[in-house]
PDB file of all heavy atoms in Angstrom:
ATOM      1  N   ARG A   1      83.588  73.558  -0.263  1.00  0.00           N
ATOM      2  CA  ARG A   1      82.157  73.653  -0.220  1.00  0.00           C
ATOM      3  C   ARG A   1      81.571  72.259   0.090  1.00  0.00           C
ATOM      4  O   ARG A   1      80.563  72.132   0.804  1.00  0.00           O
ATOM      5  CB  ARG A   1      81.630  74.134  -1.548  1.00  0.00           C
ATOM      6  CG  ARG A   1      80.113  74.185  -1.688  1.00  0.00           C
ATOM      7  CD  ARG A   1      79.729  74.749  -3.035  1.00  0.00           C
ATOM      8  NE  ARG A   1      80.436  74.075  -4.117  1.00  0.00           N
ATOM      9  CZ  ARG A   1      80.369  74.455  -5.373  1.00  0.00           C
ATOM     10  NH1 ARG A   1      79.631  75.454  -5.742  1.00  0.00           N
ATOM     11  NH2 ARG A   1      81.072  73.781  -6.314  1.00  0.00           N
ATOM     12  N   GLY A   2      82.190  71.241  -0.384  1.00  0.00           N
ATOM     13  CA  GLY A   2      81.741  69.870  -0.171  1.00  0.00           C
ATOM     14  C   GLY A   2      82.167  69.217   1.122  1.00  0.00           C
ATOM     15  O   GLY A   2      81.760  68.101   1.457  1.00  0.00           O
ATOM     16  N   GLY A   3      83.009  69.913   1.912  1.00  0.00           N
ATOM     17  CA  GLY A   3      83.415  69.401   3.233  1.00  0.00           C
ATOM     18  C   GLY A   3      84.766  68.743   3.302  1.00  0.00           C
ATOM     19  O   GLY A   3      85.126  68.222   4.371  1.00  0.00           O
ATOM     20  N   THR A   4      85.555  68.775   2.259  1.00  0.00           N
ATOM     21  CA  THR A   4      86.895  68.273   2.299  1.00  0.00           C
ATOM     22  C   THR A   4      87.838  69.294   2.963  1.00  0.00           C
ATOM     23  O   THR A   4      87.820  70.429   2.653  1.00  0.00           O
ATOM     24  CB  THR A   4      87.429  67.957   0.896  1.00  0.00           C
ATOM     25  OG1 THR A   4      86.601  66.969   0.276  1.00  0.00           O
ATOM     26  CG2 THR A   4      88.838  67.421   0.959  1.00  0.00           C
ATOM     27  N   SER A   5      88.624  68.827   3.957  1.00  0.00           N
ATOM     28  CA  SER A   5      89.434  69.720   4.749  1.00  0.00           C
ATOM     29  C   SER A   5      90.920  69.437   4.583  1.00  0.00           C
ATOM     30  O   SER A   5      91.315  68.281   4.266  1.00  0.00           O
ATOM     31  CB  SER A   5      89.070  69.656   6.223  1.00  0.00           C
ATOM     32  OG  SER A   5      89.192  68.365   6.715  1.00  0.00           O
ATOM     33  N   ASN A   6      91.745  70.414   4.850  1.00  0.00           N
ATOM     34  CA  ASN A   6      93.179  70.281   4.815  1.00  0.00           C
ATOM     35  C   ASN A   6      93.758  71.101   5.966  1.00  0.00           C
ATOM     36  O   ASN A   6      93.257  72.227   6.206  1.00  0.00           O
ATOM     37  CB  ASN A   6      93.741  70.763   3.492  1.00  0.00           C
ATOM     38  CG  ASN A   6      95.205  70.494   3.323  1.00  0.00           C
ATOM     39  OD1 ASN A   6      95.719  69.427   3.682  1.00  0.00           O
ATOM     40  ND2 ASN A   6      95.963  71.490   2.871  1.00  0.00           N
ATOM     41  N   TYR A   7      94.831  70.596   6.621  1.00  0.00           N
ATOM     42  CA  TYR A   7      95.365  71.265   7.792  1.00  0.00           C
ATOM     43  C   TYR A   7      96.885  71.436   7.647  1.00  0.00           C
ATOM     44  O   TYR A   7      97.560  70.634   6.998  1.00  0.00           O
ATOM     45  CB  TYR A   7      95.110  70.400   9.055  1.00  0.00           C
ATOM     46  CG  TYR A   7      93.662  70.233   9.408  1.00  0.00           C
ATOM     47  CD1 TYR A   7      92.957  69.145   8.891  1.00  0.00           C
ATOM     48  CD2 TYR A   7      93.015  71.134  10.244  1.00  0.00           C
ATOM     49  CE1 TYR A   7      91.634  68.960   9.226  1.00  0.00           C
ATOM     50  CE2 TYR A   7      91.666  70.920  10.584  1.00  0.00           C
ATOM     51  CZ  TYR A   7      90.963  69.851  10.058  1.00  0.00           C
ATOM     52  OH  TYR A   7      89.661  69.679  10.386  1.00  0.00           O
ATOM     53  N   ALA A   8      97.364  72.499   8.291  1.00  0.00           N
ATOM     54  CA  ALA A   8      98.810  72.623   8.458  1.00  0.00           C
ATOM     55  C   ALA A   8      99.308  71.549   9.354  1.00  0.00           C
ATOM     56  O   ALA A   8      98.634  71.090  10.248  1.00  0.00           O
ATOM     57  CB  ALA A   8      99.154  73.991   9.021  1.00  0.00           C
ATOM     58  N   ASP A   9     100.512  71.047   9.077  1.00  0.00           N
ATOM     59  CA  ASP A   9     101.040  69.957   9.871  1.00  0.00           C
ATOM     60  C   ASP A   9     101.129  70.306  11.377  1.00  0.00           C
ATOM     61  O   ASP A   9     100.929  69.427  12.198  1.00  0.00           O
ATOM     62  CB  ASP A   9     102.472  69.618   9.405  1.00  0.00           C
ATOM     63  CG  ASP A   9     102.479  68.903   8.052  1.00  0.00           C
ATOM     64  OD1 ASP A   9     101.448  68.344   7.685  1.00  0.00           O
ATOM     65  OD2 ASP A   9     103.555  68.882   7.406  1.00  0.00           O
ATOM     66  N   SER A  10     101.337  71.530  11.702  1.00  0.00           N
ATOM     67  CA  SER A  10     101.513  71.991  13.064  1.00  0.00           C
ATOM     68  C   SER A  10     100.246  71.858  13.906  1.00  0.00           C
ATOM     69  O   SER A  10     100.281  71.920  15.137  1.00  0.00           O
ATOM     70  CB  SER A  10     102.048  73.412  13.146  1.00  0.00           C
ATOM     71  OG  SER A  10     101.164  74.292  12.464  1.00  0.00           O
ATOM     72  N   VAL A  11      99.065  71.767  13.234  1.00  0.00           N
ATOM     73  CA  VAL A  11      97.808  71.712  13.968  1.00  0.00           C
ATOM     74  C   VAL A  11      97.037  70.432  13.791  1.00  0.00           C
ATOM     75  O   VAL A  11      95.975  70.243  14.399  1.00  0.00           O
ATOM     76  CB  VAL A  11      96.897  72.932  13.592  1.00  0.00           C
ATOM     77  CG1 VAL A  11      97.649  74.223  13.782  1.00  0.00           C
ATOM     78  CG2 VAL A  11      96.378  72.785  12.177  1.00  0.00           C
ATOM     79  N   LYS A  12      97.520  69.548  12.969  1.00  0.00           N
ATOM     80  CA  LYS A  12      96.870  68.276  12.731  1.00  0.00           C
ATOM     81  C   LYS A  12      96.658  67.490  14.036  1.00  0.00           C
ATOM     82  O   LYS A  12      97.596  67.359  14.809  1.00  0.00           O
ATOM     83  CB  LYS A  12      97.611  67.419  11.717  1.00  0.00           C
ATOM     84  CG  LYS A  12      97.484  67.887  10.281  1.00  0.00           C
ATOM     85  CD  LYS A  12      98.252  66.999   9.321  1.00  0.00           C
ATOM     86  CE  LYS A  12      98.115  67.476   7.885  1.00  0.00           C
ATOM     87  NZ  LYS A  12      98.857  66.628   6.971  1.00  0.00           N
ATOM     88  N   GLY A  13      95.510  66.973  14.243  1.00  0.00           N
ATOM     89  CA  GLY A  13      95.184  66.272  15.449  1.00  0.00           C
ATOM     90  C   GLY A  13      94.706  67.113  16.574  1.00  0.00           C
ATOM     91  O   GLY A  13      94.230  66.590  17.588  1.00  0.00           O
ATOM     92  N   ARG A  14      94.880  68.418  16.464  1.00  0.00           N
ATOM     93  CA  ARG A  14      94.457  69.339  17.560  1.00  0.00           C
ATOM     94  C   ARG A  14      93.316  70.273  17.123  1.00  0.00           C
ATOM     95  O   ARG A  14      92.485  70.638  17.950  1.00  0.00           O
ATOM     96  CB  ARG A  14      95.667  70.179  17.998  1.00  0.00           C
ATOM     97  CG  ARG A  14      96.786  69.327  18.599  1.00  0.00           C
ATOM     98  CD  ARG A  14      97.877  70.203  19.195  1.00  0.00           C
ATOM     99  NE  ARG A  14      98.479  71.110  18.206  1.00  0.00           N
ATOM    100  CZ  ARG A  14      98.451  72.428  18.298  1.00  0.00           C
ATOM    101  NH1 ARG A  14      97.871  73.022  19.315  1.00  0.00           N
ATOM    102  NH2 ARG A  14      99.070  73.190  17.369  1.00  0.00           N
ATOM    103  N   PHE A  15      93.333  70.693  15.859  1.00  0.00           N
ATOM    104  CA  PHE A  15      92.332  71.602  15.366  1.00  0.00           C
ATOM    105  C   PHE A  15      91.346  70.921  14.420  1.00  0.00           C
ATOM    106  O   PHE A  15      91.759  69.986  13.705  1.00  0.00           O
ATOM    107  CB  PHE A  15      92.989  72.770  14.577  1.00  0.00           C
ATOM    108  CG  PHE A  15      93.793  73.730  15.423  1.00  0.00           C
ATOM    109  CD1 PHE A  15      94.090  73.485  16.741  1.00  0.00           C
ATOM    110  CD2 PHE A  15      94.258  74.930  14.867  1.00  0.00           C
ATOM    111  CE1 PHE A  15      94.828  74.358  17.519  1.00  0.00           C
ATOM    112  CE2 PHE A  15      95.034  75.773  15.606  1.00  0.00           C
ATOM    113  CZ  PHE A  15      95.317  75.542  16.918  1.00  0.00           C
ATOM    114  N   THR A  16      90.095  71.369  14.437  1.00  0.00           N
ATOM    115  CA  THR A  16      89.120  70.835  13.518  1.00  0.00           C
ATOM    116  C   THR A  16      88.340  71.984  12.844  1.00  0.00           C
ATOM    117  O   THR A  16      87.843  72.824  13.552  1.00  0.00           O
ATOM    118  CB  THR A  16      88.118  69.919  14.243  1.00  0.00           C
ATOM    119  OG1 THR A  16      88.841  68.842  14.871  1.00  0.00           O
ATOM    120  CG2 THR A  16      87.125  69.312  13.259  1.00  0.00           C
ATOM    121  N   ILE A  17      88.333  71.984  11.553  1.00  0.00           N
ATOM    122  CA  ILE A  17      87.574  72.968  10.819  1.00  0.00           C
ATOM    123  C   ILE A  17      86.233  72.371  10.330  1.00  0.00           C
ATOM    124  O   ILE A  17      86.174  71.221   9.991  1.00  0.00           O
ATOM    125  CB  ILE A  17      88.398  73.556   9.600  1.00  0.00           C
ATOM    126  CG1 ILE A  17      87.660  74.748   8.989  1.00  0.00           C
ATOM    127  CG2 ILE A  17      88.635  72.450   8.575  1.00  0.00           C
ATOM    128  CD1 ILE A  17      88.538  75.454   7.939  1.00  0.00           C
ATOM    129  N   SER A  18      85.197  73.171  10.372  1.00  0.00           N
ATOM    130  CA  SER A  18      83.909  72.763   9.902  1.00  0.00           C
ATOM    131  C   SER A  18      83.150  73.956   9.356  1.00  0.00           C
ATOM    132  O   SER A  18      83.571  75.110   9.556  1.00  0.00           O
ATOM    133  CB  SER A  18      83.079  72.132  11.071  1.00  0.00           C
ATOM    134  OG  SER A  18      82.872  73.029  12.135  1.00  0.00           O
ATOM    135  N   ARG A  19      82.050  73.683   8.669  1.00  0.00           N
ATOM    136  CA  ARG A  19      81.300  74.814   8.110  1.00  0.00           C
ATOM    137  C   ARG A  19      79.800  74.440   8.044  1.00  0.00           C
ATOM    138  O   ARG A  19      79.429  73.234   8.008  1.00  0.00           O
ATOM    139  CB  ARG A  19      81.765  75.176   6.714  1.00  0.00           C
ATOM    140  CG  ARG A  19      81.582  74.065   5.634  1.00  0.00           C
ATOM    141  CD  ARG A  19      82.270  74.464   4.340  1.00  0.00           C
ATOM    142  NE  ARG A  19      81.603  75.530   3.635  1.00  0.00           N
ATOM    143  CZ  ARG A  19      82.113  76.187   2.542  1.00  0.00           C
ATOM    144  NH1 ARG A  19      83.313  75.800   2.075  1.00  0.00           N
ATOM    145  NH2 ARG A  19      81.405  77.105   1.949  1.00  0.00           N
ATOM    146  N   ASP A  20      78.982  75.431   8.099  1.00  0.00           N
ATOM    147  CA  ASP A  20      77.537  75.298   7.976  1.00  0.00           C
ATOM    148  C   ASP A  20      77.090  76.129   6.790  1.00  0.00           C
ATOM    149  O   ASP A  20      77.063  77.410   6.880  1.00  0.00           O
ATOM    150  CB  ASP A  20      76.849  75.752   9.263  1.00  0.00           C
ATOM    151  CG  ASP A  20      75.335  75.485   9.231  1.00  0.00           C
ATOM    152  OD1 ASP A  20      74.759  75.341   8.139  1.00  0.00           O
ATOM    153  OD2 ASP A  20      74.727  75.505  10.319  1.00  0.00           O
ATOM    154  N   ASN A  21      76.870  75.508   5.673  1.00  0.00           N
ATOM    155  CA  ASN A  21      76.549  76.248   4.453  1.00  0.00           C
ATOM    156  C   ASN A  21      75.213  76.963   4.522  1.00  0.00           C
ATOM    157  O   ASN A  21      74.990  77.943   3.802  1.00  0.00           O
ATOM    158  CB  ASN A  21      76.573  75.281   3.245  1.00  0.00           C
ATOM    159  CG  ASN A  21      77.949  74.809   2.928  1.00  0.00           C
ATOM    160  OD1 ASN A  21      78.967  75.469   3.221  1.00  0.00           O
ATOM    161  ND2 ASN A  21      78.009  73.590   2.272  1.00  0.00           N
ATOM    162  N   THR A  22      74.299  76.500   5.362  1.00  0.00           N
ATOM    163  CA  THR A  22      73.040  77.186   5.501  1.00  0.00           C
ATOM    164  C   THR A  22      73.151  78.507   6.239  1.00  0.00           C
ATOM    165  O   THR A  22      72.352  79.378   6.078  1.00  0.00           O
ATOM    166  CB  THR A  22      71.995  76.326   6.262  1.00  0.00           C
ATOM    167  OG1 THR A  22      72.403  76.106   7.597  1.00  0.00           O
ATOM    168  CG2 THR A  22      71.871  74.977   5.577  1.00  0.00           C
ATOM    169  N   LYS A  23      74.285  78.653   6.992  1.00  0.00           N
ATOM    170  CA  LYS A  23      74.541  79.886   7.728  1.00  0.00           C
ATOM    171  C   LYS A  23      75.721  80.677   7.179  1.00  0.00           C
ATOM    172  O   LYS A  23      76.049  81.731   7.705  1.00  0.00           O
ATOM    173  CB  LYS A  23      74.794  79.601   9.196  1.00  0.00           C
ATOM    174  CG  LYS A  23      73.625  78.917   9.925  1.00  0.00           C
ATOM    175  CD  LYS A  23      73.975  78.640  11.375  1.00  0.00           C
ATOM    176  CE  LYS A  23      72.839  77.986  12.101  1.00  0.00           C
ATOM    177  NZ  LYS A  23      73.144  77.715  13.529  1.00  0.00           N
ATOM    178  N   ASN A  24      76.355  80.162   6.127  1.00  0.00           N
ATOM    179  CA  ASN A  24      77.521  80.799   5.563  1.00  0.00           C
ATOM    180  C   ASN A  24      78.602  81.065   6.628  1.00  0.00           C
ATOM    181  O   ASN A  24      79.220  82.111   6.713  1.00  0.00           O
ATOM    182  CB  ASN A  24      77.191  82.111   4.841  1.00  0.00           C
ATOM    183  CG  ASN A  24      76.407  81.898   3.566  1.00  0.00           C
ATOM    184  OD1 ASN A  24      76.594  80.902   2.886  1.00  0.00           O
ATOM    185  ND2 ASN A  24      75.567  82.836   3.213  1.00  0.00           N
ATOM    186  N   THR A  25      78.808  80.031   7.453  1.00  0.00           N
ATOM    187  CA  THR A  25      79.683  80.173   8.627  1.00  0.00           C
ATOM    188  C   THR A  25      80.683  79.058   8.641  1.00  0.00           C
ATOM    189  O   THR A  25      80.362  77.902   8.343  1.00  0.00           O
ATOM    190  CB  THR A  25      78.850  80.144   9.909  1.00  0.00           C
ATOM    191  OG1 THR A  25      77.931  81.267   9.920  1.00  0.00           O
ATOM    192  CG2 THR A  25      79.756  80.295  11.120  1.00  0.00           C
ATOM    193  N   VAL A  26      81.926  79.382   9.007  1.00  0.00           N
ATOM    194  CA  VAL A  26      83.028  78.423   9.183  1.00  0.00           C
ATOM    195  C   VAL A  26      83.495  78.491  10.600  1.00  0.00           C
ATOM    196  O   VAL A  26      83.526  79.579  11.194  1.00  0.00           O
ATOM    197  CB  VAL A  26      84.154  78.663   8.178  1.00  0.00           C
ATOM    198  CG1 VAL A  26      84.818  80.025   8.377  1.00  0.00           C
ATOM    199  CG2 VAL A  26      85.187  77.536   8.248  1.00  0.00           C
ATOM    200  N   TYR A  27      83.871  77.355  11.142  1.00  0.00           N
ATOM    201  CA  TYR A  27      84.330  77.244  12.506  1.00  0.00           C
ATOM    202  C   TYR A  27      85.734  76.647  12.623  1.00  0.00           C
ATOM    203  O   TYR A  27      86.151  75.903  11.714  1.00  0.00           O
ATOM    204  CB  TYR A  27      83.390  76.411  13.363  1.00  0.00           C
ATOM    205  CG  TYR A  27      81.923  76.768  13.264  1.00  0.00           C
ATOM    206  CD1 TYR A  27      81.096  76.212  12.297  1.00  0.00           C
ATOM    207  CD2 TYR A  27      81.390  77.712  14.134  1.00  0.00           C
ATOM    208  CE1 TYR A  27      79.758  76.568  12.221  1.00  0.00           C
ATOM    209  CE2 TYR A  27      80.041  78.089  14.066  1.00  0.00           C
ATOM    210  CZ  TYR A  27      79.231  77.505  13.102  1.00  0.00           C
ATOM    211  OH  TYR A  27      77.904  77.852  13.023  1.00  0.00           O
ATOM    212  N   LEU A  28      86.436  76.964  13.655  1.00  0.00           N
ATOM    213  CA  LEU A  28      87.718  76.347  13.959  1.00  0.00           C
ATOM    214  C   LEU A  28      87.741  75.977  15.439  1.00  0.00           C
ATOM    215  O   LEU A  28      87.820  76.861  16.293  1.00  0.00           O
ATOM    216  CB  LEU A  28      88.884  77.264  13.585  1.00  0.00           C
ATOM    217  CG  LEU A  28      90.265  76.617  13.750  1.00  0.00           C
ATOM    218  CD1 LEU A  28      90.464  75.502  12.691  1.00  0.00           C
ATOM    219  CD2 LEU A  28      91.360  77.645  13.603  1.00  0.00           C
ATOM    220  N   GLN A  29      87.639  74.690  15.688  1.00  0.00           N
ATOM    221  CA  GLN A  29      87.766  74.184  17.052  1.00  0.00           C
ATOM    222  C   GLN A  29      89.231  73.938  17.362  1.00  0.00           C
ATOM    223  O   GLN A  29      89.855  73.162  16.650  1.00  0.00           O
ATOM    224  CB  GLN A  29      86.947  72.920  17.255  1.00  0.00           C
ATOM    225  CG  GLN A  29      87.060  72.319  18.662  1.00  0.00           C
ATOM    226  CD  GLN A  29      86.421  73.187  19.731  1.00  0.00           C
ATOM    227  OE1 GLN A  29      85.335  73.652  19.558  1.00  0.00           O
ATOM    228  NE2 GLN A  29      87.130  73.396  20.822  1.00  0.00           N
TER     229      GLN A  29
END
């Protein structure tokens, strides 16, 4: 909820997770 993220080793450096709490939405670039 506070914005701390964790990634699988296989996607680190390539994928980015983010969220917009005002929209209850999570994204994966």
